[in-house]
Amino acid sequence: MFTSATESAAKKNILIAAKDVPLLRKRAFRGLLISLALAAGGAVYEHFSHGVWSCAMVYAFMIPLAGVTLPSMLLERSPKRTMPGELPVLLWHFGLAVLTVGSLFSGALEIYGTTNSLTRVYWWAGGLLTVSAALLMLPGMLNAGKSTEKKDQIRRSSDRSNL
């Protein structure tokens, strides 16, 4: 039988997922690669900018490093058996991407000696996406830990009663 996409999505919880260590390692590695690429690109860009530099350009690599690599490594090592689901992770990554692009764009404008008030849109949009992702992650992570503990207690009590 074929199931529609909405039926399969309804069966799958998009806010919380079982802990997947290989996926977390892959995310951490990808975040590290993106950070290294941004650091190298920023160094090359500033090398050819005739001694003019920008903090936004220099530290743009920190956004994926602190927002993707570090949380993935911490989740991998945490004792919890759950992790955020697809929706919060997508919003989180989109927010970090917007913040990174905004940082690079602001840095390029600073190096050229100009400014633009529209660069604030990047900070607001990226902040809104990451905060909404964090708000979606918190209840799911807190409730999931409790529900798995309750399920374990129920399973243990049913195992004892079966003996």
Protein backbone atom coordinates (compact mmCIF):
# COMPACT_ATOMS: atom_id res chain seq x y z
CA MET A 1 0.00 0.00 0.00
CA PHE A 2 1.10 3.51 -0.73
CA THR A 3 1.03 6.19 1.93
CA SER A 4 0.79 9.84 1.17
CA ALA A 5 3.41 12.31 2.30
CA THR A 6 1.05 13.80 4.86
CA GLU A 7 0.31 10.39 6.38
CA SER A 8 4.00 9.55 6.70
CA ALA A 9 4.70 13.00 8.16
CA ALA A 10 1.88 12.53 10.66
CA LYS A 11 3.41 9.25 11.81
CA LYS A 12 6.82 10.90 12.15
CA ASN A 13 7.31 13.46 14.89
CA ILE A 14 8.94 16.48 13.30
CA LEU A 15 9.72 18.18 16.61
CA ILE A 16 11.67 15.37 18.29
CA ALA A 17 13.65 12.42 16.98
CA ALA A 18 15.55 9.46 18.35
CA LYS A 19 19.21 10.19 18.92
CA ASP A 20 21.20 9.43 15.76
CA VAL A 21 24.93 9.59 16.55
CA PRO A 22 26.17 9.19 12.93
CA LEU A 23 23.88 12.04 11.84
CA LEU A 24 25.16 14.26 14.65
CA ARG A 25 28.77 13.48 13.70
CA LYS A 26 28.01 14.28 10.07
CA ARG A 27 26.44 17.61 11.08
CA ALA A 28 29.41 18.47 13.28
CA PHE A 29 31.85 17.65 10.47
CA ARG A 30 29.87 19.69 7.92
CA GLY A 31 29.73 22.65 10.31
CA LEU A 32 33.49 22.40 10.81
CA LEU A 33 34.08 22.31 7.04
CA ILE A 34 31.83 25.33 6.51
CA SER A 35 33.67 27.18 9.29
CA LEU A 36 37.05 26.37 7.77
CA ALA A 37 35.88 27.48 4.32
CA LEU A 38 34.56 30.76 5.75
CA ALA A 39 37.79 31.36 7.68
CA ALA A 40 39.90 30.71 4.58
CA GLY A 41 37.63 32.83 2.37
CA GLY A 42 37.68 35.68 4.88
CA ALA A 43 41.47 35.54 5.12
CA VAL A 44 41.87 35.62 1.33
CA TYR A 45 39.31 38.42 0.96
CA GLU A 46 41.04 40.54 3.57
CA HIS A 47 44.48 39.82 2.12
CA PHE A 48 43.39 41.48 -1.13
CA SER A 49 41.56 44.35 0.56
CA HIS A 50 44.76 46.42 0.99
CA GLY A 51 44.95 46.28 4.77
CA VAL A 52 41.30 47.14 5.43
CA TRP A 53 39.49 44.57 7.56
CA SER A 54 36.14 44.03 9.19
CA CYS A 55 35.21 42.22 12.39
CA ALA A 56 32.06 40.91 10.72
CA MET A 57 34.16 39.30 7.99
CA VAL A 58 36.88 38.01 10.32
CA TYR A 59 34.48 36.32 12.74
CA ALA A 60 31.86 35.06 10.25
CA PHE A 61 33.30 31.55 10.64
CA MET A 62 32.24 31.51 14.30
CA ILE A 63 28.53 31.38 13.45
CA PRO A 64 28.51 27.84 11.97
CA LEU A 65 31.22 26.71 14.38
CA ALA A 66 29.25 27.77 17.47
CA GLY A 67 25.82 27.10 15.98
CA VAL A 68 26.29 23.75 14.22
CA THR A 69 29.51 22.02 15.26
CA LEU A 70 29.42 22.70 18.99
CA PRO A 71 25.73 21.79 19.57
CA SER A 72 26.09 18.63 17.46
CA MET A 73 29.09 17.52 19.47
CA LEU A 74 27.33 18.28 22.76
CA LEU A 75 24.17 16.40 21.68
CA GLU A 76 26.30 13.45 20.60
CA ARG A 77 27.86 13.22 24.03
CA SER A 78 24.69 13.88 26.02
CA PRO A 79 23.03 11.00 27.87
CA LYS A 80 19.60 11.85 26.41
CA ARG A 81 18.20 9.48 23.83
CA THR A 82 16.43 12.17 21.86
CA MET A 83 17.42 15.09 19.70
CA PRO A 84 15.54 17.87 17.92
CA GLY A 85 13.45 16.80 14.95
CA GLU A 86 13.47 18.05 11.37
CA LEU A 87 11.52 21.29 11.72
CA PRO A 88 13.56 22.90 14.53
CA VAL A 89 16.84 21.80 12.93
CA LEU A 90 15.86 23.25 9.56
CA LEU A 91 14.81 26.55 11.12
CA TRP A 92 18.04 26.61 13.15
CA HIS A 93 20.21 25.98 10.08
CA PHE A 94 18.29 28.53 7.98
CA GLY A 95 18.73 31.10 10.75
CA LEU A 96 22.45 30.42 10.99
CA ALA A 97 22.79 30.64 7.20
CA VAL A 98 21.01 34.02 7.18
CA LEU A 99 23.23 35.28 10.01
CA THR A 100 26.38 34.08 8.21
CA VAL A 101 25.39 35.69 4.90
CA GLY A 102 24.49 38.88 6.77
CA SER A 103 27.86 38.88 8.49
CA LEU A 104 29.70 38.39 5.19
CA PHE A 105 27.64 41.09 3.47
CA SER A 106 28.13 43.55 6.32
CA GLY A 107 31.86 42.79 6.32
CA ALA A 108 32.13 43.37 2.58
CA LEU A 109 30.32 46.69 2.90
CA GLU A 110 32.58 47.74 5.80
CA ILE A 111 35.68 46.87 3.79
CA TYR A 112 34.44 48.93 0.86
CA GLY A 113 33.82 51.81 3.25
CA THR A 114 30.06 51.99 2.86
CA THR A 115 27.12 51.02 5.01
CA ASN A 116 23.53 50.09 4.34
CA SER A 117 20.65 50.07 6.78
CA LEU A 118 19.17 47.01 5.05
CA THR A 119 21.88 44.79 6.55
CA ARG A 120 19.85 44.87 9.76
CA VAL A 121 17.26 42.70 8.02
CA TYR A 122 19.76 39.82 8.04
CA TRP A 123 20.26 40.09 11.80
CA TRP A 124 16.53 40.33 12.52
CA ALA A 125 15.57 37.49 10.18
CA GLY A 126 18.39 35.22 11.36
CA GLY A 127 17.63 35.98 14.98
CA LEU A 128 13.92 35.33 14.49
CA LEU A 129 14.58 31.98 12.81
CA THR A 130 17.04 30.79 15.46
CA VAL A 131 14.86 31.92 18.37
CA SER A 132 11.80 30.21 16.86
CA ALA A 133 13.87 27.04 16.37
CA ALA A 134 15.06 27.17 19.98
CA LEU A 135 11.49 27.64 21.19
CA LEU A 136 10.42 24.58 19.17
CA MET A 137 13.35 22.54 20.50
CA LEU A 138 12.88 23.20 24.22
CA PRO A 139 9.46 21.68 24.94
CA GLY A 140 10.14 18.67 22.74
CA MET A 141 13.48 17.96 24.36
CA LEU A 142 12.16 18.42 27.89
CA ASN A 143 9.02 16.32 27.36
CA ALA A 144 10.84 13.64 25.39
CA GLY A 145 13.27 12.99 28.19
CA LYS A 146 10.40 12.61 30.66
CA SER A 147 8.32 10.46 28.35
CA THR A 148 11.17 8.02 27.69
CA GLU A 149 11.82 7.78 31.43
CA LYS A 150 8.12 7.06 32.02
CA LYS A 151 8.10 4.49 29.22
CA ASP A 152 11.15 2.80 30.76
CA GLN A 153 9.43 2.70 34.17
CA ILE A 154 6.26 1.25 32.65
CA ARG A 155 8.28 -1.30 30.71
CA ARG A 156 10.22 -2.34 33.83
CA SER A 157 7.04 -2.67 35.91
CA SER A 158 5.35 -4.74 33.18
CA ASP A 159 8.46 -6.94 32.93
CA ARG A 160 8.33 -7.53 36.71
CA SER A 161 4.64 -8.36 36.61
CA ASN A 162 5.23 -10.88 33.84
CA LEU A 163 7.74 -12.77 35.99
